[in-house]
Amino acid sequence: MPQNIRDVMTSNPCTIDADRSVAYAAKMMLEEDVGLAPIVEDGKLIGMLTDRDIATRVAAEGRDPDQVKVRDVASTQLFTIGPRQDLDEALRMMAKHQVRRLPVVEADGRLVGVVAQADIAREGNDAQTGQLVEEISESGGQMSSIEEGQFPVQFPRQIEEQQPESLVGEEPQVEEQREEEAVSKVQAASSRGRRKRSTAKRKTATRKRSTAKRKTAAKKSTGTRKRKTASRKRSTAKRTTAKRRSTAKRSTAKRRSTAKRRTTAKKRTTAKKRTTAKRRSTGKKRSTAKRRSTAKKRSTTKRRSTAKKRSTAKKRSTAKRKTAGRKAAGTRKRKTATRKTAGRKAAGTRKRKTATRKTAGRKAAGTRKRRTTRRKTR
């Protein structure tokens, strides 16, 4: 049977950074099927986040787990053990502090593993394991993980009254002494921060002890008492064996469940990657089609714009040529009219000159006739 912590501890536990959100830590703890997450900084253990921390300091207070950081709710009061210490020391520490898990750290504070109650139950002595479970669970189930007694006001731990089994024929003094030893044992196993029992509970316990004493005096003979003791021992052995088997079954079921969850997570991751690749491929195709459509639209728009510009330029050129033709025609008309006007003026001038010459010829002919007549008359 291994007696060293290093032989039974869980090596390389899943750790988390103090600046992560509580929601991320809860998802990690669910995927890894663990109840606590060690907080490590530069390889050294600085705190512990447990499922109870999340339940009492986040969920119970209605805080947003996505906004709360791990360092704000983690437990910083730690009970640690070295990897070279034996199982007996781990049993003593778990019973003393009433914790079910102990972080295993080296002398320099470096985290190397975690040892749990289940590890000791699988490898340790049956009697010691049963005693450990009894002492850890003594407070009524209010302790669940690495840190207890952190909030003595909000979450007080109450010591339940135990009724030790009475044996027939024993003297009242022996019975009372055994009851006091049982109560002392419970008080020694309890962690700090417990409230003292009230006066009413003490009176109730006293009355119950007195009743048990009276019933003990009325029990059967010593032989019957021995048979009952042997029967109880056999029953205890059977319960211990059944508990070991149940623990082994739970461990097997836990491993199968973990393997199944990991397979499921792997399948989901693969499906997610395929879906992501498909979406990327589809997005790429859509992007390419969109770019092509955009380029085609731009090309069509550019061609239409070019054709429109050419048509406008052609229209402007035609209009310009028509305007120039009209101007030239007007100029030709004006020149023709000017020539005609000049021809008419020249014709009038020639007519006037001809009439003047004719008039001058007539005058000259009349003058010559008069001269001739005058000569003839002489």
Protein backbone atom coordinates (compact mmCIF):
# COMPACT_ATOMS: atom_id res chain seq x y z
CA MET A 1 0.00 0.00 0.00
CA PRO A 2 1.53 3.38 -0.97
CA GLN A 3 2.14 5.57 2.06
CA ASN A 4 3.54 8.64 0.25
CA ILE A 5 1.38 11.59 -0.85
CA ARG A 6 3.15 11.71 -4.22
CA ASP A 7 1.98 8.13 -4.93
CA VAL A 8 -1.75 8.84 -4.52
CA MET A 9 -2.14 12.51 -5.46
CA THR A 10 -3.56 13.83 -8.74
CA SER A 11 -0.61 15.32 -10.61
CA ASN A 12 -0.75 18.38 -12.87
CA PRO A 13 -4.18 19.66 -11.78
CA CYS A 14 -5.99 22.17 -13.97
CA THR A 15 -5.09 25.67 -12.77
CA ILE A 16 -6.58 29.08 -13.53
CA ASP A 17 -5.36 32.66 -13.65
CA ALA A 18 -6.58 35.07 -10.97
CA ASP A 19 -7.75 37.64 -13.55
CA ARG A 20 -10.13 35.21 -15.30
CA SER A 21 -13.90 35.55 -14.86
CA VAL A 22 -15.87 33.25 -12.57
CA ALA A 23 -17.98 32.12 -15.55
CA TYR A 24 -14.84 30.90 -17.35
CA ALA A 25 -13.70 29.09 -14.18
CA ALA A 26 -17.09 27.38 -13.77
CA LYS A 27 -17.02 26.15 -17.39
CA MET A 28 -13.49 24.83 -16.94
CA MET A 29 -14.44 22.99 -13.73
CA LEU A 30 -17.46 21.47 -15.49
CA GLU A 31 -15.42 20.31 -18.48
CA GLU A 32 -12.67 18.85 -16.29
CA ASP A 33 -15.18 17.37 -13.80
CA VAL A 34 -13.44 18.86 -10.75
CA GLY A 35 -14.71 20.70 -7.67
CA LEU A 36 -11.87 23.16 -7.28
CA ALA A 37 -9.45 25.15 -9.40
CA PRO A 38 -6.02 26.10 -7.94
CA ILE A 39 -4.95 29.68 -8.66
CA VAL A 40 -1.31 29.82 -9.70
CA GLU A 41 0.90 32.83 -10.33
CA ASP A 42 4.46 32.32 -11.62
CA GLY A 43 4.11 28.60 -10.85
CA LYS A 44 3.25 29.18 -7.17
CA LEU A 45 -0.07 28.54 -5.46
CA ILE A 46 -1.74 31.77 -4.29
CA GLY A 47 -5.35 30.65 -3.73
CA MET A 48 -8.13 28.18 -4.41
CA LEU A 49 -11.50 28.59 -6.15
CA THR A 50 -14.09 25.95 -5.23
CA ASP A 51 -17.62 25.18 -6.32
CA ARG A 52 -18.80 26.36 -2.91
CA ASP A 53 -17.05 29.72 -3.39
CA ILE A 54 -18.99 30.21 -6.62
CA ALA A 55 -22.27 29.16 -5.01
CA THR A 56 -22.01 31.28 -1.84
CA ARG A 57 -20.12 34.36 -3.05
CA VAL A 58 -21.49 34.78 -6.58
CA ALA A 59 -24.77 32.92 -7.14
CA ALA A 60 -26.19 33.50 -3.65
CA GLU A 61 -25.44 37.23 -3.85
CA GLY A 62 -26.87 37.60 -7.36
CA ARG A 63 -23.58 38.78 -8.89
CA ASP A 64 -22.81 38.49 -12.60
CA PRO A 65 -20.25 35.67 -13.05
CA ASP A 66 -19.02 37.25 -16.29
CA GLN A 67 -18.10 40.46 -14.45
CA VAL A 68 -16.66 38.98 -11.23
CA LYS A 69 -12.99 37.98 -11.33
CA VAL A 70 -11.61 34.84 -9.71
CA ARG A 71 -9.34 36.81 -7.35
CA ASP A 72 -12.42 38.56 -5.84
CA VAL A 73 -14.11 35.37 -4.59
CA ALA A 74 -11.27 32.83 -4.27
CA SER A 75 -10.17 31.38 -0.92
CA THR A 76 -6.77 32.59 0.18
CA GLN A 77 -6.58 30.74 3.54
CA LEU A 78 -4.98 27.49 2.39
CA PHE A 79 -4.12 24.19 4.09
CA THR A 80 -1.32 22.53 2.11
CA ILE A 81 0.80 19.39 2.42
CA GLY A 82 4.17 18.33 1.01
CA PRO A 83 4.54 15.55 -1.57
CA ARG A 84 6.92 13.54 0.66
CA GLN A 85 4.61 13.37 3.67
CA ASP A 86 2.66 10.19 4.40
CA LEU A 87 -1.06 9.40 4.29
CA ASP A 88 -1.39 9.54 8.07
CA GLU A 89 -0.39 13.21 8.05
CA ALA A 90 -2.92 13.90 5.28
CA LEU A 91 -5.61 12.11 7.34
CA ARG A 92 -4.77 14.23 10.38
CA MET A 93 -4.87 17.49 8.43
CA MET A 94 -8.17 16.66 6.71
CA ALA A 95 -9.75 15.67 10.03
CA LYS A 96 -8.37 18.73 11.80
CA HIS A 97 -9.45 21.30 9.22
CA GLN A 98 -12.47 19.30 7.94
CA VAL A 99 -11.52 19.55 4.26
CA ARG A 100 -11.84 16.95 1.52
CA ARG A 101 -8.97 18.14 -0.68
CA LEU A 102 -5.42 19.28 0.09
CA PRO A 103 -3.14 21.03 -2.45
CA VAL A 104 0.29 19.42 -2.62
CA VAL A 105 3.09 22.02 -2.84
CA GLU A 106 6.87 21.90 -2.78
CA ALA A 107 8.98 23.83 -0.28
CA ASP A 108 9.23 26.79 -2.68
CA GLY A 109 5.43 27.06 -2.97
CA ARG A 110 5.18 25.40 -6.39
CA LEU A 111 1.97 23.41 -6.90
CA VAL A 112 2.60 19.79 -7.94
CA GLY A 113 -0.76 18.10 -7.32
CA VAL A 114 -3.93 17.68 -5.27
CA VAL A 115 -4.78 14.86 -2.87
CA ALA A 116 -8.47 14.20 -2.20
CA GLN A 117 -10.49 12.16 0.24
CA ALA A 118 -11.28 9.69 -2.57
CA ASP A 119 -7.55 9.12 -3.21
CA ILE A 120 -7.00 8.16 0.42
CA ALA A 121 -10.17 6.03 0.42
CA ARG A 122 -8.81 3.98 -2.49
CA GLU A 123 -5.30 3.55 -1.10
CA GLY A 124 -5.50 4.02 2.66
CA ASN A 125 -6.50 1.86 5.61
CA ASP A 126 -10.24 1.09 5.82
CA ALA A 127 -10.59 1.97 9.49
CA GLN A 128 -8.65 5.22 9.10
CA THR A 129 -10.64 6.13 5.99
CA GLY A 130 -13.95 5.49 7.76
CA GLN A 131 -12.83 7.61 10.70
CA LEU A 132 -11.73 10.39 8.31
CA VAL A 133 -15.09 10.43 6.53
CA GLU A 134 -16.90 10.48 9.86
CA GLU A 135 -14.85 13.40 11.21
CA ILE A 136 -15.02 15.44 7.99
CA SER A 137 -18.80 15.01 7.72
CA GLU A 138 -19.43 15.59 11.44
CA SER A 139 -20.55 19.22 11.09
CA GLY A 140 -23.77 18.47 9.19
CA GLY A 141 -22.59 18.80 5.63
CA GLN A 142 -21.94 22.53 5.61
CA MET A 143 -18.28 22.06 4.57
CA SER A 144 -17.67 21.12 0.99
CA SER A 145 -14.18 21.99 -0.17
CA ILE A 146 -10.83 23.58 0.53
CA GLU A 147 -11.82 26.44 2.83
CA GLU A 148 -14.28 26.29 5.73
CA GLY A 149 -14.84 28.77 8.51
CA GLN A 150 -14.05 31.75 6.25
CA PHE A 151 -17.45 33.28 6.97
CA PRO A 152 -18.33 32.30 10.55
CA VAL A 153 -21.19 34.85 10.67
CA GLN A 154 -22.92 34.02 7.41
CA PHE A 155 -22.28 30.28 7.47
CA PRO A 156 -21.91 29.09 11.11
CA ARG A 157 -21.10 25.44 11.71
CA GLN A 158 -23.19 23.69 14.30
CA ILE A 159 -22.00 20.64 16.25
CA GLU A 160 -24.66 17.96 16.07
CA GLU A 161 -25.37 16.06 19.21
CA GLN A 162 -24.14 12.49 18.96
CA GLN A 163 -25.73 9.65 20.78
CA PRO A 164 -23.07 6.95 21.34
CA GLU A 165 -24.43 3.46 21.37
CA SER A 166 -24.86 2.21 24.88
CA LEU A 167 -23.78 -1.22 26.02
CA VAL A 168 -25.92 -3.24 28.39
CA GLY A 169 -24.66 -3.71 31.96
CA GLU A 170 -21.97 -0.99 31.88
CA GLU A 171 -21.71 1.30 34.84
CA PRO A 172 -23.12 4.85 34.44
CA GLN A 173 -19.65 6.31 35.05
CA VAL A 174 -18.14 4.35 32.13
CA GLU A 175 -21.02 5.36 29.85
CA GLU A 176 -20.66 9.00 30.79
CA GLN A 177 -16.89 8.86 30.24
CA ARG A 178 -17.36 7.36 26.74
CA GLU A 179 -19.90 10.04 25.83
CA GLU A 180 -17.53 12.77 26.98
CA GLU A 181 -14.70 11.21 24.91
CA ALA A 182 -16.97 11.12 21.82
CA VAL A 183 -17.93 14.77 22.28
CA SER A 184 -14.28 15.76 22.77
CA LYS A 185 -13.35 13.87 19.60
CA VAL A 186 -15.99 15.76 17.58
CA GLN A 187 -14.85 19.07 19.02
CA ALA A 188 -11.20 18.32 18.17
CA ALA A 189 -12.11 17.40 14.57
CA SER A 190 -14.13 20.57 14.07
CA SER A 191 -12.46 23.56 12.40
CA ARG A 192 -12.29 26.97 13.95
CA GLY A 193 -15.18 29.39 13.69
CA ARG A 194 -17.89 27.11 15.20
CA ARG A 195 -20.41 28.67 17.43
CA LYS A 196 -20.83 27.31 20.92
CA ARG A 197 -23.85 25.20 21.55
CA SER A 198 -26.76 26.98 23.15
CA THR A 199 -27.91 26.32 26.71
CA ALA A 200 -31.07 24.67 25.43
CA LYS A 201 -29.07 22.15 23.37
CA ARG A 202 -26.84 21.32 26.35
CA LYS A 203 -29.90 20.67 28.50
CA THR A 204 -31.39 18.51 25.73
CA ALA A 205 -28.15 16.55 25.44
CA THR A 206 -28.07 16.06 29.22
CA ARG A 207 -31.63 14.77 29.24
CA LYS A 208 -30.85 12.41 26.35
CA ARG A 209 -27.77 11.07 28.14
CA SER A 210 -29.78 10.46 31.32
CA THR A 211 -32.43 8.61 29.35
CA ALA A 212 -29.71 6.52 27.64
CA LYS A 213 -28.23 5.65 31.03
CA ARG A 214 -31.59 4.50 32.35
CA LYS A 215 -32.17 2.39 29.24
CA THR A 216 -28.67 0.92 29.54
CA ALA A 217 -29.42 -0.28 33.08
CA ALA A 218 -32.46 -2.15 31.75
CA LYS A 219 -30.67 -3.99 28.89
CA LYS A 220 -29.99 -7.70 28.66
CA SER A 221 -27.08 -9.76 29.97
CA THR A 222 -23.38 -9.53 29.17
CA GLY A 223 -23.60 -12.38 26.63
CA THR A 224 -26.27 -10.55 24.67
CA ARG A 225 -24.15 -7.43 24.84
CA LYS A 226 -21.13 -9.28 23.39
CA ARG A 227 -23.24 -10.78 20.59
CA LYS A 228 -24.57 -7.33 19.72
CA THR A 229 -21.03 -5.93 19.75
CA ALA A 230 -19.83 -8.68 17.38
CA SER A 231 -22.87 -8.10 15.18
CA ARG A 232 -22.13 -4.37 15.06
CA LYS A 233 -18.52 -5.08 14.11
CA ARG A 234 -19.61 -7.38 11.29
CA SER A 235 -22.14 -4.78 10.14
CA THR A 236 -19.46 -2.08 10.24
CA ALA A 237 -17.12 -4.29 8.20
CA LYS A 238 -19.88 -4.95 5.67
CA ARG A 239 -20.71 -1.24 5.42
CA THR A 240 -17.00 -0.42 4.97
CA THR A 241 -16.70 -3.06 2.21
CA ALA A 242 -19.88 -1.84 0.55
CA LYS A 243 -18.62 1.71 0.80
CA ARG A 244 -15.31 0.78 -0.82
CA ARG A 245 -17.15 -0.99 -3.63
CA SER A 246 -19.49 1.97 -4.03
CA THR A 247 -16.51 4.35 -4.11
CA ALA A 248 -14.80 2.16 -6.75
CA LYS A 249 -18.03 2.06 -8.79
CA ARG A 250 -18.41 5.82 -8.53
CA SER A 251 -14.78 6.27 -9.54
CA THR A 252 -15.28 3.97 -12.57
CA ALA A 253 -18.51 5.75 -13.48
CA LYS A 254 -16.75 9.08 -13.04
CA ARG A 255 -13.91 8.03 -15.34
CA ARG A 256 -16.39 6.77 -17.93
CA SER A 257 -18.43 9.95 -17.62
CA THR A 258 -15.24 12.02 -17.97
CA ALA A 259 -14.18 10.04 -21.05
CA LYS A 260 -17.68 10.38 -22.50
CA ARG A 261 -17.72 14.13 -21.86
CA ARG A 262 -14.28 14.52 -23.40
CA THR A 263 -15.39 12.50 -26.46
CA THR A 264 -18.54 14.61 -26.71
CA ALA A 265 -16.52 17.80 -26.30
CA LYS A 266 -14.07 16.59 -28.98
CA LYS A 267 -16.95 15.80 -31.35
CA ARG A 268 -18.51 19.18 -30.66
CA THR A 269 -15.17 20.89 -31.24
CA THR A 270 -14.71 19.00 -34.53
CA ALA A 271 -18.25 19.84 -35.62
CA LYS A 272 -17.68 23.45 -34.61
CA LYS A 273 -14.44 23.59 -36.60
CA ARG A 274 -16.17 22.10 -39.63
CA THR A 275 -19.06 24.53 -39.28
CA THR A 276 -16.60 27.40 -38.92
CA ALA A 277 -14.65 26.24 -42.01
CA LYS A 278 -17.91 25.88 -43.93
CA ARG A 279 -19.05 29.34 -42.87
CA ARG A 280 -15.66 30.78 -43.83
CA SER A 281 -15.80 29.03 -47.22
CA THR A 282 -19.36 30.23 -47.77
CA GLY A 283 -18.40 33.72 -46.65
CA LYS A 284 -15.39 33.66 -48.98
CA LYS A 285 -17.56 32.54 -51.91
CA ARG A 286 -20.12 35.20 -51.11
CA SER A 287 -17.39 37.79 -50.79
CA THR A 288 -15.88 36.73 -54.15
CA ALA A 289 -19.32 36.79 -55.81
CA LYS A 290 -19.99 40.17 -54.24
CA ARG A 291 -16.66 41.54 -55.48
CA ARG A 292 -17.33 40.19 -58.95
CA SER A 293 -20.83 41.65 -58.95
CA THR A 294 -19.45 44.96 -57.73
CA ALA A 295 -16.74 44.93 -60.41
CA LYS A 296 -19.33 44.05 -63.07
CA LYS A 297 -21.62 46.84 -61.89
CA ARG A 298 -18.71 49.27 -61.88
CA SER A 299 -17.65 48.15 -65.38
CA THR A 300 -21.24 48.47 -66.65
CA THR A 301 -21.59 51.86 -65.01
CA LYS A 302 -18.25 52.95 -66.48
CA ARG A 303 -19.24 51.78 -70.00
CA ARG A 304 -22.60 53.50 -69.71
CA SER A 305 -20.93 56.66 -68.47
CA THR A 306 -18.38 56.52 -71.31
CA ALA A 307 -21.13 55.94 -73.89
CA LYS A 308 -23.16 58.77 -72.41
CA LYS A 309 -20.15 61.09 -72.51
CA ARG A 310 -19.43 60.11 -76.11
CA SER A 311 -23.08 60.63 -77.09
CA THR A 312 -23.12 64.00 -75.35
CA ALA A 313 -19.87 65.02 -77.06
CA LYS A 314 -21.22 63.85 -80.44
CA LYS A 315 -24.45 65.79 -79.88
CA ARG A 316 -22.48 68.86 -78.87
CA SER A 317 -20.20 68.48 -81.92
CA THR A 318 -23.23 68.07 -84.25
CA ALA A 319 -24.95 71.06 -82.68
CA LYS A 320 -21.72 73.04 -83.03
CA ARG A 321 -21.40 72.04 -86.69
CA LYS A 322 -25.06 72.96 -87.33
CA THR A 323 -24.57 76.30 -85.60
CA ALA A 324 -21.43 76.94 -87.65
CA GLY A 325 -23.33 75.97 -90.83
CA ARG A 326 -26.16 78.33 -89.96
CA LYS A 327 -23.67 81.11 -89.25
CA ALA A 328 -21.88 80.43 -92.60
CA ALA A 329 -25.22 80.35 -94.46
CA GLY A 330 -26.22 83.66 -92.84
CA THR A 331 -22.84 85.10 -93.76
CA ARG A 332 -23.22 83.89 -97.36
CA LYS A 333 -26.73 85.34 -97.51
CA ARG A 334 -25.50 88.63 -96.13
CA LYS A 335 -22.60 88.68 -98.63
CA THR A 336 -24.98 87.83 -101.53
CA ALA A 337 -27.37 90.57 -100.43
CA THR A 338 -24.43 92.94 -100.16
CA ARG A 339 -23.24 91.96 -103.66
CA LYS A 340 -26.75 92.36 -105.01
CA THR A 341 -27.09 95.73 -103.33
CA ALA A 342 -23.69 96.76 -104.72
CA GLY A 343 -24.75 95.52 -108.21
CA ARG A 344 -27.96 97.51 -108.03
CA LYS A 345 -26.05 100.57 -106.90
CA ALA A 346 -23.51 100.09 -109.71
CA ALA A 347 -26.32 99.57 -112.29
CA GLY A 348 -28.04 102.75 -111.04
CA THR A 349 -24.76 104.60 -111.21
CA ARG A 350 -24.14 103.33 -114.75
CA LYS A 351 -27.70 104.32 -115.72
CA ARG A 352 -27.21 107.76 -114.27
CA LYS A 353 -23.86 108.14 -116.05
CA THR A 354 -25.45 106.96 -119.35
CA ALA A 355 -28.35 109.38 -118.93
CA THR A 356 -25.87 112.13 -118.12
CA ARG A 357 -23.81 111.29 -121.21
CA LYS A 358 -26.96 111.17 -123.32
CA THR A 359 -28.11 114.48 -121.89
CA ALA A 360 -24.64 115.92 -122.53
CA GLY A 361 -24.72 114.54 -126.13
CA ARG A 362 -28.09 116.09 -126.76
CA LYS A 363 -26.92 119.35 -125.36
CA ALA A 364 -23.82 119.14 -127.53
CA ALA A 365 -25.93 118.22 -130.62
CA GLY A 366 -28.29 121.12 -129.94
CA THR A 367 -25.31 123.41 -129.49
CA ARG A 368 -23.75 122.18 -132.76
CA LYS A 369 -27.10 122.61 -134.53
CA ARG A 370 -27.38 126.11 -133.24
CA ARG A 371 -23.86 126.90 -134.31
CA THR A 372 -24.49 125.43 -137.74
CA THR A 373 -27.68 127.39 -138.10
CA ARG A 374 -25.91 130.55 -137.07
CA ARG A 375 -23.19 129.98 -139.63
CA LYS A 376 -25.76 129.28 -142.24
CA THR A 377 -27.66 132.37 -141.40
CA ARG A 378 -24.62 134.54 -141.79
